[in-house]
C-alpha atoms as a PDB file:
ATOM      1  CA  MET A   1    -132.140  71.191  56.195  1.00  0.00           C
ATOM      2  CA  ALA A   2    -129.530  70.139  53.622  1.00  0.00           C
ATOM      3  CA  GLN A   3    -129.080  72.305  50.581  1.00  0.00           C
ATOM      4  CA  ALA A   4    -128.175  71.219  47.072  1.00  0.00           C
ATOM      5  CA  GLU A   5    -124.445  71.409  46.593  1.00  0.00           C
ATOM      6  CA  LEU A   6    -122.755  72.855  43.549  1.00  0.00           C
ATOM      7  CA  VAL A   7    -120.970  70.151  41.591  1.00  0.00           C
ATOM      8  CA  PHE A   8    -117.912  70.820  39.471  1.00  0.00           C
ATOM      9  CA  ILE A   9    -116.807  69.110  36.294  1.00  0.00           C
ATOM     10  CA  ALA A  10    -113.166  69.702  35.415  1.00  0.00           C
ATOM     11  CA  GLY A  11    -113.520  69.092  31.664  1.00  0.00           C
ATOM     12  CA  ARG A  12    -115.640  71.785  30.038  1.00  0.00           C
ATOM     13  CA  ALA A  13    -117.396  70.254  27.085  1.00  0.00           C
ATOM     14  CA  ARG A  14    -120.371  70.424  24.799  1.00  0.00           C
ATOM     15  CA  ILE A  15    -121.364  66.890  23.906  1.00  0.00           C
ATOM     16  CA  THR A  16    -122.899  66.374  20.488  1.00  0.00           C
ATOM     17  CA  GLY A  17    -123.452  63.362  18.284  1.00  0.00           C
ATOM     18  CA  ALA A  18    -122.697  60.811  20.994  1.00  0.00           C
ATOM     19  CA  HIS A  19    -123.372  57.179  20.128  1.00  0.00           C
ATOM     20  CA  PRO A  20    -123.483  54.482  22.806  1.00  0.00           C
ATOM     21  CA  LYS A  21    -120.922  51.714  22.401  1.00  0.00           C
ATOM     22  CA  PRO A  22    -119.148  49.351  24.761  1.00  0.00           C
ATOM     23  CA  SER A  23    -116.154  50.779  26.588  1.00  0.00           C
ATOM     24  CA  THR A  24    -112.799  49.811  25.155  1.00  0.00           C
ATOM     25  CA  ALA A  25    -110.912  51.429  28.040  1.00  0.00           C
ATOM     26  CA  PRO A  26    -108.329  49.153  29.632  1.00  0.00           C
ATOM     27  CA  VAL A  27    -109.335  47.697  32.994  1.00  0.00           C
ATOM     28  CA  GLY A  28    -106.877  49.885  34.978  1.00  0.00           C
ATOM     29  CA  SER A  29    -107.686  53.103  33.105  1.00  0.00           C
ATOM     30  CA  PRO A  30    -108.901  56.276  34.829  1.00  0.00           C
ATOM     31  CA  VAL A  31    -112.236  55.901  32.989  1.00  0.00           C
ATOM     32  CA  ARG A  32    -112.806  52.376  34.305  1.00  0.00           C
ATOM     33  CA  THR A  33    -111.676  53.452  37.783  1.00  0.00           C
ATOM     34  CA  ALA A  34    -114.069  56.440  37.766  1.00  0.00           C
ATOM     35  CA  TYR A  35    -116.885  54.186  36.562  1.00  0.00           C
ATOM     36  CA  ALA A  36    -116.248  51.672  39.343  1.00  0.00           C
ATOM     37  CA  GLU A  37    -116.084  54.463  41.927  1.00  0.00           C
ATOM     38  CA  PHE A  38    -119.376  55.921  40.676  1.00  0.00           C
ATOM     39  CA  LEU A  39    -121.091  52.540  40.911  1.00  0.00           C
ATOM     40  CA  ALA A  40    -119.622  52.019  44.389  1.00  0.00           C
ATOM     41  CA  SER A  41    -120.943  55.416  45.495  1.00  0.00           C
ATOM     42  CA  LEU A  42    -124.413  54.432  44.275  1.00  0.00           C
ATOM     43  CA  GLU A  43    -124.136  51.170  46.193  1.00  0.00           C
ATOM     44  CA  GLU A  44    -123.164  53.050  49.369  1.00  0.00           C
ATOM     45  CA  HIS A  45    -126.172  55.386  49.181  1.00  0.00           C
ATOM     46  CA  PRO A  46    -129.260  53.405  48.126  1.00  0.00           C
ATOM     47  CA  PRO A  47    -132.558  55.297  48.129  1.00  0.00           C
ATOM     48  CA  ARG A  48    -134.972  54.664  50.963  1.00  0.00           C
ATOM     49  CA  PRO A  49    -138.443  53.775  49.736  1.00  0.00           C
ATOM     50  CA  ILE A  50    -140.994  56.547  50.174  1.00  0.00           C
ATOM     51  CA  PRO A  51    -144.084  55.268  52.004  1.00  0.00           C
ATOM     52  CA  ILE A  52    -147.576  55.807  50.619  1.00  0.00           C
ATOM     53  CA  VAL A  53    -148.130  58.484  53.248  1.00  0.00           C
ATOM     54  CA  ALA A  54    -144.863  60.371  52.999  1.00  0.00           C
ATOM     55  CA  ASP A  55    -143.776  63.069  55.402  1.00  0.00           C
ATOM     56  CA  SER A  56    -141.252  65.874  55.089  1.00  0.00           C
ATOM     57  CA  ILE A  57    -138.419  63.693  56.418  1.00  0.00           C
ATOM     58  CA  ASP A  58    -139.068  61.121  53.668  1.00  0.00           C
ATOM     59  CA  LEU A  59    -138.842  63.857  51.042  1.00  0.00           C
ATOM     60  CA  GLN A  60    -135.714  65.350  52.595  1.00  0.00           C
ATOM     61  CA  ASP A  61    -134.088  61.895  52.629  1.00  0.00           C
ATOM     62  CA  ARG A  62    -134.845  61.597  48.917  1.00  0.00           C
ATOM     63  CA  ALA A  63    -133.342  65.034  48.204  1.00  0.00           C
ATOM     64  CA  ASP A  64    -130.240  64.039  50.196  1.00  0.00           C
ATOM     65  CA  HIS A  65    -130.003  60.799  48.193  1.00  0.00           C
ATOM     66  CA  LEU A  66    -130.171  62.716  44.912  1.00  0.00           C
ATOM     67  CA  ASN A  67    -127.413  65.053  46.103  1.00  0.00           C
ATOM     68  CA  GLU A  68    -125.210  62.016  46.789  1.00  0.00           C
ATOM     69  CA  VAL A  69    -126.000  60.579  43.352  1.00  0.00           C
ATOM     70  CA  PHE A  70    -125.143  63.874  41.662  1.00  0.00           C
ATOM     71  CA  ARG A  71    -121.918  64.205  43.662  1.00  0.00           C
ATOM     72  CA  GLY A  72    -120.799  60.790  42.397  1.00  0.00           C
ATOM     73  CA  LEU A  73    -122.000  61.574  38.888  1.00  0.00           C
ATOM     74  CA  ALA A  74    -120.018  64.816  38.816  1.00  0.00           C
ATOM     75  CA  GLY A  75    -116.808  62.952  39.653  1.00  0.00           C
ATOM     76  CA  TYR A  76    -117.479  60.371  36.968  1.00  0.00           C
ATOM     77  CA  LEU A  77    -118.358  63.004  34.381  1.00  0.00           C
ATOM     78  CA  THR A  78    -115.164  64.905  35.125  1.00  0.00           C
ATOM     79  CA  VAL A  79    -113.084  61.891  34.140  1.00  0.00           C
ATOM     80  CA  ILE A  80    -115.209  60.653  31.240  1.00  0.00           C
ATOM     81  CA  LEU A  81    -115.589  64.071  29.600  1.00  0.00           C
ATOM     82  CA  ASP A  82    -111.915  64.890  30.027  1.00  0.00           C
ATOM     83  CA  ASP A  83    -110.942  61.532  28.507  1.00  0.00           C
ATOM     84  CA  THR A  84    -113.393  62.020  25.649  1.00  0.00           C
ATOM     85  CA  ALA A  85    -112.126  65.526  24.895  1.00  0.00           C
ATOM     86  CA  GLN A  86    -108.480  64.386  24.993  1.00  0.00           C
ATOM     87  CA  ASN A  87    -109.205  61.541  22.597  1.00  0.00           C
ATOM     88  CA  THR A  88    -111.238  63.509  20.067  1.00  0.00           C
ATOM     89  CA  PRO A  89    -109.273  64.896  17.129  1.00  0.00           C
ATOM     90  CA  GLY A  90    -109.642  68.652  17.330  1.00  0.00           C
ATOM     91  CA  GLY A  91    -111.064  68.371  20.869  1.00  0.00           C
ATOM     92  CA  LEU A  92    -114.576  69.100  22.065  1.00  0.00           C
ATOM     93  CA  ASP A  93    -116.202  72.252  23.374  1.00  0.00           C
ATOM     94  CA  LEU A  94    -117.565  71.021  26.693  1.00  0.00           C
ATOM     95  CA  CYS A  95    -117.983  74.451  28.297  1.00  0.00           C
ATOM     96  CA  ASP A  96    -121.626  74.041  29.382  1.00  0.00           C
ATOM     97  CA  ALA A  97    -121.437  70.637  31.091  1.00  0.00           C
ATOM     98  CA  GLU A  98    -120.785  71.998  34.586  1.00  0.00           C
ATOM     99  CA  ALA A  99    -123.592  74.557  34.359  1.00  0.00           C
ATOM    100  CA  ILE A 100    -126.059  72.004  32.980  1.00  0.00           C
ATOM    101  CA  LEU A 101    -125.391  69.560  35.817  1.00  0.00           C
ATOM    102  CA  ALA A 102    -125.484  72.317  38.464  1.00  0.00           C
ATOM    103  CA  ASP A 103    -128.857  73.499  37.109  1.00  0.00           C
ATOM    104  CA  LEU A 104    -130.217  69.959  37.134  1.00  0.00           C
ATOM    105  CA  VAL A 105    -129.063  69.379  40.724  1.00  0.00           C
ATOM    106  CA  SER A 106    -130.562  72.661  41.845  1.00  0.00           C
ATOM    107  CA  ASP A 107    -133.870  72.175  40.046  1.00  0.00           C
ATOM    108  CA  LEU A 108    -134.505  68.600  41.135  1.00  0.00           C
ATOM    109  CA  SER A 109    -133.301  68.593  44.717  1.00  0.00           C
ATOM    110  CA  GLY A 110    -134.595  72.127  45.243  1.00  0.00           C
ATOM    111  CA  ALA A 111    -138.104  71.133  44.151  1.00  0.00           C
ATOM    112  CA  ILE A 112    -138.097  68.144  46.498  1.00  0.00           C
ATOM    113  CA  GLN A 113    -136.705  70.197  49.389  1.00  0.00           C
ATOM    114  CA  HIS A 114    -139.329  72.893  48.792  1.00  0.00           C
ATOM    115  CA  ALA A 115    -142.071  70.257  48.932  1.00  0.00           C
ATOM    116  CA  ALA A 116    -140.546  68.909  52.171  1.00  0.00           C
ATOM    117  CA  GLU A 117    -140.533  72.388  53.693  1.00  0.00           C
ATOM    118  CA  ASP A 118    -144.166  72.932  52.650  1.00  0.00           C
ATOM    119  CA  MET A 119    -145.120  69.576  54.117  1.00  0.00           C
ATOM    120  CA  ALA A 120    -143.253  70.306  57.371  1.00  0.00           C
ATOM    121  CA  GLY A 121    -145.181  73.570  57.704  1.00  0.00           C
ATOM    122  CA  ARG A 122    -148.528  71.747  57.632  1.00  0.00           C
ATOM    123  CA  VAL A 123    -149.865  70.540  60.935  1.00  0.00           C
ATOM    124  CA  GLU A 124    -152.151  67.547  60.635  1.00  0.00           C
END
């Protein structure tokens, strides 16, 4: 059974006071490239629908899908957080970003995998 993988974010940052606004990054910039690669990775790994009567394989497939999503997200976050920190006067303290994402990956995919293991242990 697949296990959640640790994801790494190169920029270490604490994000505070963020406000959404359209990207002004040039089309060929590393930020735009990372964004396009993240979207492409999502396109390559669409989630399979879970049937009404799910089995352990359905749950494991979903956990595997989430691991792929988080892998792509980690790559995107590495670039976007690094770019943000480099372009913020005085910089940003982004030291907890990697740990936060790793905890999220572990908690979510681990819970689904645990449910899949429990379901696989039941004989119906």
